[in-house]
Every structure is written in C-alpha cells, then in structure tokens.
Amino acid sequence: MPELSPQARIVLTTVASPEEAERLGRALVEERLAACVTILPSAQSIYPWEGRVESSAESLLVIKTVLEQLDVLETRLHELHSYQTPEFVVLEVSAMSHGYLEWIKGCLLEP
C-alpha cells in the first residue's frame, strides 16, 4: 500500500551523451545525493537557444532523492554537468510504497 511521501523527490535532467549520463549518475549515487539514477539513453529535445530552434539527441536522467538533499544535489549537478544551463526539474512525490521510500531514505540519510 503506498504511503504519503513528503520527503521523496524525483529530479529530471538531460545530458549530451550516455557516457556523461553514466558519469553523472554514478557520482551522484556514490556521493549519496541520489539513491538511484535511471538513465534513458535515447531522447530527442527541441528547444530555443540563442535565437534558433535547436534539436539534440540527449540522455534523460531520472534521479530519486529526498527533500533534504536537493540543495546539495543541485549544486553538485551544476558542477558536474557539461551544459551551460542544465535542466534541474524537481517533482514532488505524493505517495510511494513504504519499502521503496525506506530504501531511499536508508541510502541517503543513514550513515
């Protein structure tokens, strides 16, 4: 049964390549800023940039974390990211299975 989850957050970001996604995801997990990073290696983004409409192949990272880690996670992601203006979209999680929420908190909040 899902439980309310005021702590859990999902962060989305895109990167230029699967290799960058792997490097960034691994660093965030090793540094205990993310419990899990799921990499979707083949995304196509269309966006305006410097007066033109651009299209780029990218990888999407789905980052599972908690509210307490967001500020440090955002700072570190900007340090590691190759983009001048990296995407950092935070989604609130309204509910999550008890076991998964406890696992996330255990990965990030316990020594």
N, C-alpha and C. Protein backbone atom coordinates (compact mmCIF):
# COMPACT_ATOMS: atom_id res chain seq x y z
N MET A 1 0.84 -1.18 0.00
CA MET A 1 0.00 0.00 0.00
C MET A 1 0.89 1.25 0.00
N PRO A 2 0.69 2.16 -0.93
CA PRO A 2 1.51 3.38 -0.95
C PRO A 2 1.25 4.24 0.29
N GLU A 3 2.30 4.94 0.71
CA GLU A 3 2.14 5.86 1.82
C GLU A 3 2.50 7.26 1.35
N LEU A 4 1.94 8.27 2.03
CA LEU A 4 2.26 9.64 1.71
C LEU A 4 3.76 9.84 1.87
N SER A 5 4.32 10.64 0.98
CA SER A 5 5.77 10.75 0.93
C SER A 5 6.21 12.20 0.85
N PRO A 6 6.18 12.94 1.97
CA PRO A 6 6.57 14.35 1.91
C PRO A 6 8.06 14.56 1.65
N GLN A 7 8.87 13.52 1.85
CA GLN A 7 10.31 13.66 1.67
C GLN A 7 10.80 13.34 0.25
N ALA A 8 10.18 12.39 -0.41
CA ALA A 8 10.72 11.87 -1.67
C ALA A 8 10.58 12.90 -2.79
N ARG A 9 11.60 12.95 -3.64
CA ARG A 9 11.58 13.82 -4.81
C ARG A 9 12.17 13.06 -6.00
N ILE A 10 11.68 13.41 -7.18
CA ILE A 10 12.25 12.94 -8.44
C ILE A 10 12.83 14.16 -9.14
N VAL A 11 14.07 14.08 -9.55
CA VAL A 11 14.72 15.18 -10.26
C VAL A 11 15.00 14.70 -11.68
N LEU A 12 14.68 15.55 -12.64
CA LEU A 12 14.95 15.24 -14.05
C LEU A 12 16.04 16.17 -14.57
N THR A 13 16.94 15.60 -15.34
CA THR A 13 17.92 16.39 -16.07
C THR A 13 18.28 15.65 -17.35
N THR A 14 18.73 16.38 -18.35
CA THR A 14 19.20 15.77 -19.58
C THR A 14 20.68 16.09 -19.75
N VAL A 15 21.38 15.19 -20.43
CA VAL A 15 22.81 15.37 -20.71
C VAL A 15 23.08 15.03 -22.16
N ALA A 16 24.27 15.38 -22.61
CA ALA A 16 24.61 15.28 -24.02
C ALA A 16 24.86 13.87 -24.53
N SER A 17 25.17 12.93 -23.63
CA SER A 17 25.54 11.58 -24.12
C SER A 17 25.29 10.54 -23.04
N PRO A 18 25.17 9.27 -23.45
CA PRO A 18 25.05 8.19 -22.45
C PRO A 18 26.28 8.11 -21.54
N GLU A 19 27.45 8.46 -22.05
CA GLU A 19 28.66 8.42 -21.24
C GLU A 19 28.61 9.47 -20.13
N GLU A 20 28.15 10.68 -20.48
CA GLU A 20 28.01 11.71 -19.45
C GLU A 20 26.94 11.31 -18.44
N ALA A 21 25.85 10.70 -18.91
CA ALA A 21 24.79 10.24 -18.02
C ALA A 21 25.34 9.24 -17.01
N GLU A 22 26.11 8.30 -17.46
CA GLU A 22 26.71 7.28 -16.59
C GLU A 22 27.65 7.93 -15.57
N ARG A 23 28.50 8.84 -16.03
CA ARG A 23 29.45 9.51 -15.14
C ARG A 23 28.72 10.32 -14.08
N LEU A 24 27.74 11.11 -14.50
CA LEU A 24 27.00 11.96 -13.59
C LEU A 24 26.17 11.12 -12.62
N GLY A 25 25.45 10.13 -13.13
CA GLY A 25 24.63 9.27 -12.29
C GLY A 25 25.45 8.54 -11.25
N ARG A 26 26.57 7.99 -11.66
CA ARG A 26 27.43 7.26 -10.72
C ARG A 26 27.95 8.19 -9.62
N ALA A 27 28.37 9.39 -9.98
CA ALA A 27 28.88 10.34 -8.99
C ALA A 27 27.80 10.70 -7.98
N LEU A 28 26.57 10.95 -8.44
CA LEU A 28 25.50 11.34 -7.52
C LEU A 28 25.14 10.22 -6.55
N VAL A 29 25.17 8.98 -7.02
CA VAL A 29 24.89 7.84 -6.13
C VAL A 29 26.06 7.62 -5.17
N GLU A 30 27.29 7.65 -5.68
CA GLU A 30 28.46 7.44 -4.81
C GLU A 30 28.55 8.51 -3.72
N GLU A 31 28.13 9.73 -4.05
CA GLU A 31 28.18 10.83 -3.08
C GLU A 31 26.93 10.90 -2.19
N ARG A 32 26.05 9.90 -2.34
CA ARG A 32 24.83 9.78 -1.54
C ARG A 32 23.89 10.97 -1.67
N LEU A 33 23.86 11.55 -2.88
CA LEU A 33 22.92 12.62 -3.20
C LEU A 33 21.69 12.05 -3.89
N ALA A 34 21.82 10.86 -4.44
CA ALA A 34 20.73 10.15 -5.09
C ALA A 34 20.77 8.70 -4.65
N ALA A 35 19.60 8.13 -4.40
CA ALA A 35 19.53 6.71 -4.07
C ALA A 35 19.63 5.87 -5.34
N CYS A 36 19.11 6.41 -6.43
CA CYS A 36 19.09 5.70 -7.71
C CYS A 36 19.00 6.73 -8.83
N VAL A 37 19.69 6.47 -9.92
CA VAL A 37 19.57 7.28 -11.12
C VAL A 37 19.25 6.35 -12.27
N THR A 38 18.10 6.53 -12.86
CA THR A 38 17.69 5.75 -14.02
C THR A 38 18.04 6.55 -15.26
N ILE A 39 18.73 5.92 -16.20
CA ILE A 39 19.18 6.60 -17.42
C ILE A 39 18.36 6.09 -18.60
N LEU A 40 17.71 7.02 -19.27
CA LEU A 40 17.01 6.72 -20.53
C LEU A 40 17.91 7.28 -21.62
N PRO A 41 18.64 6.40 -22.32
CA PRO A 41 19.74 6.86 -23.17
C PRO A 41 19.37 7.51 -24.49
N SER A 42 18.11 7.47 -24.89
CA SER A 42 17.79 7.97 -26.21
C SER A 42 16.57 8.89 -26.17
N ALA A 43 16.83 10.18 -26.01
CA ALA A 43 15.77 11.19 -26.01
C ALA A 43 16.12 12.23 -27.06
N GLN A 44 15.13 12.87 -27.60
CA GLN A 44 15.33 13.95 -28.56
C GLN A 44 14.69 15.20 -27.98
N SER A 45 15.46 16.27 -27.83
CA SER A 45 14.94 17.52 -27.27
C SER A 45 14.93 18.60 -28.34
N ILE A 46 13.85 19.37 -28.38
CA ILE A 46 13.72 20.51 -29.29
C ILE A 46 13.48 21.73 -28.42
N TYR A 47 14.29 22.78 -28.61
CA TYR A 47 14.26 23.92 -27.70
C TYR A 47 14.87 25.15 -28.39
N PRO A 48 14.46 26.37 -27.95
CA PRO A 48 15.10 27.56 -28.49
C PRO A 48 16.42 27.81 -27.76
N TRP A 49 17.44 28.20 -28.50
CA TRP A 49 18.73 28.52 -27.89
C TRP A 49 19.43 29.56 -28.76
N GLU A 50 19.75 30.68 -28.14
CA GLU A 50 20.48 31.75 -28.81
C GLU A 50 19.84 32.14 -30.14
N GLY A 51 18.51 32.31 -30.12
CA GLY A 51 17.78 32.82 -31.29
C GLY A 51 17.41 31.78 -32.34
N ARG A 52 17.74 30.52 -32.11
CA ARG A 52 17.41 29.47 -33.09
C ARG A 52 16.69 28.33 -32.38
N VAL A 53 15.93 27.58 -33.14
CA VAL A 53 15.34 26.35 -32.61
C VAL A 53 16.33 25.22 -32.86
N GLU A 54 16.74 24.58 -31.79
CA GLU A 54 17.73 23.51 -31.84
C GLU A 54 17.05 22.15 -31.63
N SER A 55 17.72 21.11 -32.05
CA SER A 55 17.30 19.74 -31.80
C SER A 55 18.54 18.94 -31.45
N SER A 56 18.46 18.23 -30.33
CA SER A 56 19.63 17.49 -29.85
C SER A 56 19.23 16.11 -29.35
N ALA A 57 20.08 15.14 -29.65
CA ALA A 57 19.96 13.82 -29.03
C ALA A 57 20.54 13.94 -27.63
N GLU A 58 19.80 13.45 -26.63
CA GLU A 58 20.24 13.55 -25.25
C GLU A 58 19.89 12.26 -24.51
N SER A 59 20.41 12.16 -23.30
CA SER A 59 20.01 11.12 -22.37
C SER A 59 19.28 11.79 -21.22
N LEU A 60 18.21 11.15 -20.75
CA LEU A 60 17.42 11.67 -19.64
C LEU A 60 17.78 10.91 -18.36
N LEU A 61 18.06 11.64 -17.31
CA LEU A 61 18.32 11.04 -16.00
C LEU A 61 17.11 11.27 -15.11
N VAL A 62 16.64 10.19 -14.49
CA VAL A 62 15.55 10.25 -13.52
C VAL A 62 16.22 9.95 -12.18
N ILE A 63 16.32 10.97 -11.34
CA ILE A 63 17.10 10.90 -10.11
C ILE A 63 16.16 10.80 -8.91
N LYS A 64 16.31 9.74 -8.10
CA LYS A 64 15.48 9.56 -6.91
C LYS A 64 16.25 10.05 -5.70
N THR A 65 15.64 11.01 -4.97
CA THR A 65 16.32 11.60 -3.82
C THR A 65 15.29 12.02 -2.79
N VAL A 66 15.74 12.78 -1.78
CA VAL A 66 14.85 13.29 -0.74
C VAL A 66 15.02 14.80 -0.64
N LEU A 67 14.03 15.43 -0.08
CA LEU A 67 14.00 16.88 0.05
C LEU A 67 15.27 17.44 0.69
N GLU A 68 15.78 16.75 1.70
CA GLU A 68 16.96 17.23 2.43
C GLU A 68 18.20 17.32 1.54
N GLN A 69 18.25 16.58 0.45
CA GLN A 69 19.44 16.55 -0.41
C GLN A 69 19.36 17.51 -1.60
N LEU A 70 18.22 18.16 -1.81
CA LEU A 70 18.02 18.92 -3.05
C LEU A 70 19.03 20.03 -3.27
N ASP A 71 19.32 20.84 -2.27
CA ASP A 71 20.24 21.96 -2.48
C ASP A 71 21.64 21.49 -2.86
N VAL A 72 22.15 20.51 -2.12
CA VAL A 72 23.49 19.98 -2.41
C VAL A 72 23.48 19.26 -3.76
N LEU A 73 22.41 18.52 -4.04
CA LEU A 73 22.29 17.82 -5.32
C LEU A 73 22.33 18.81 -6.48
N GLU A 74 21.57 19.89 -6.38
CA GLU A 74 21.56 20.88 -7.47
C GLU A 74 22.94 21.50 -7.67
N THR A 75 23.60 21.87 -6.59
CA THR A 75 24.94 22.45 -6.68
C THR A 75 25.90 21.47 -7.35
N ARG A 76 25.88 20.22 -6.91
CA ARG A 76 26.81 19.21 -7.45
C ARG A 76 26.50 18.90 -8.91
N LEU A 77 25.22 18.82 -9.25
CA LEU A 77 24.84 18.55 -10.64
C LEU A 77 25.37 19.66 -11.55
N HIS A 78 25.26 20.91 -11.12
CA HIS A 78 25.77 22.02 -11.93
C HIS A 78 27.30 21.95 -12.06
N GLU A 79 27.98 21.49 -11.02
CA GLU A 79 29.44 21.34 -11.09
C GLU A 79 29.85 20.26 -12.08
N LEU A 80 29.11 19.16 -12.13
CA LEU A 80 29.47 18.02 -12.96
C LEU A 80 28.97 18.12 -14.40
N HIS A 81 27.97 18.92 -14.64
CA HIS A 81 27.24 18.95 -15.91
C HIS A 81 28.02 19.70 -16.99
N SER A 82 27.91 19.24 -18.22
CA SER A 82 28.61 19.89 -19.33
C SER A 82 27.83 21.07 -19.91
N TYR A 83 26.54 21.18 -19.61
CA TYR A 83 25.74 22.26 -20.19
C TYR A 83 25.91 23.56 -19.41
N GLN A 84 25.82 24.67 -20.13
CA GLN A 84 25.87 25.99 -19.53
C GLN A 84 24.66 26.21 -18.61
N THR A 85 23.49 25.74 -19.05
CA THR A 85 22.26 25.87 -18.28
C THR A 85 21.60 24.50 -18.16
N PRO A 86 22.05 23.67 -17.23
CA PRO A 86 21.47 22.33 -17.13
C PRO A 86 20.04 22.35 -16.61
N GLU A 87 19.27 21.42 -17.12
CA GLU A 87 17.91 21.21 -16.63
C GLU A 87 17.98 20.67 -15.20
N PHE A 88 17.14 21.21 -14.32
CA PHE A 88 17.00 20.70 -12.96
C PHE A 88 15.54 20.87 -12.59
N VAL A 89 14.75 19.84 -12.87
CA VAL A 89 13.31 19.88 -12.64
C VAL A 89 13.01 18.93 -11.48
N VAL A 90 12.36 19.45 -10.44
CA VAL A 90 12.06 18.67 -9.25
C VAL A 90 10.56 18.36 -9.22
N LEU A 91 10.25 17.09 -9.08
CA LEU A 91 8.86 16.64 -8.99
C LEU A 91 8.60 16.13 -7.58
N GLU A 92 7.54 16.62 -6.96
CA GLU A 92 7.14 16.10 -5.66
C GLU A 92 6.48 14.74 -5.86
N VAL A 93 6.75 13.83 -4.97
CA VAL A 93 6.13 12.51 -5.00
C VAL A 93 5.02 12.51 -3.97
N SER A 94 3.79 12.29 -4.42
CA SER A 94 2.67 12.34 -3.48
C SER A 94 2.58 11.07 -2.64
N ALA A 95 2.92 9.93 -3.22
CA ALA A 95 2.88 8.67 -2.49
C ALA A 95 3.89 7.71 -3.10
N MET A 96 4.33 6.75 -2.27
CA MET A 96 5.34 5.79 -2.71
C MET A 96 5.19 4.56 -1.82
N SER A 97 5.55 3.41 -2.34
CA SER A 97 5.48 2.22 -1.50
C SER A 97 6.40 2.39 -0.29
N HIS A 98 5.94 1.89 0.83
CA HIS A 98 6.67 2.03 2.09
C HIS A 98 8.10 1.49 1.96
N GLY A 99 8.23 0.30 1.40
CA GLY A 99 9.54 -0.33 1.28
C GLY A 99 10.51 0.47 0.44
N TYR A 100 10.03 1.02 -0.67
CA TYR A 100 10.91 1.79 -1.55
C TYR A 100 11.31 3.10 -0.89
N LEU A 101 10.37 3.76 -0.22
CA LEU A 101 10.68 5.00 0.49
C LEU A 101 11.72 4.75 1.59
N GLU A 102 11.55 3.68 2.33
CA GLU A 102 12.52 3.37 3.39
C GLU A 102 13.89 3.06 2.79
N TRP A 103 13.91 2.39 1.64
CA TRP A 103 15.19 2.10 0.98
C TRP A 103 15.88 3.39 0.56
N ILE A 104 15.13 4.33 -0.05
CA ILE A 104 15.71 5.61 -0.46
C ILE A 104 16.28 6.34 0.75
N LYS A 105 15.49 6.45 1.81
CA LYS A 105 15.96 7.15 2.99
C LYS A 105 17.20 6.47 3.58
N GLY A 106 17.21 5.14 3.57
CA GLY A 106 18.38 4.40 4.06
C GLY A 106 19.63 4.66 3.25
N CYS A 107 19.48 4.80 1.95
CA CYS A 107 20.62 5.09 1.08
C CYS A 107 21.19 6.48 1.31
N LEU A 108 20.32 7.41 1.67
CA LEU A 108 20.73 8.81 1.69
C LEU A 108 20.89 9.42 3.07
N LEU A 109 20.13 8.96 4.04
CA LEU A 109 20.08 9.65 5.32
C LEU A 109 20.74 8.89 6.46
N GLU A 110 21.03 7.62 6.26
CA GLU A 110 21.68 6.85 7.33
C GLU A 110 23.16 6.71 7.04
N PRO A 111 23.99 6.72 8.10
CA PRO A 111 25.44 6.59 7.89
C PRO A 111 25.87 5.26 7.36
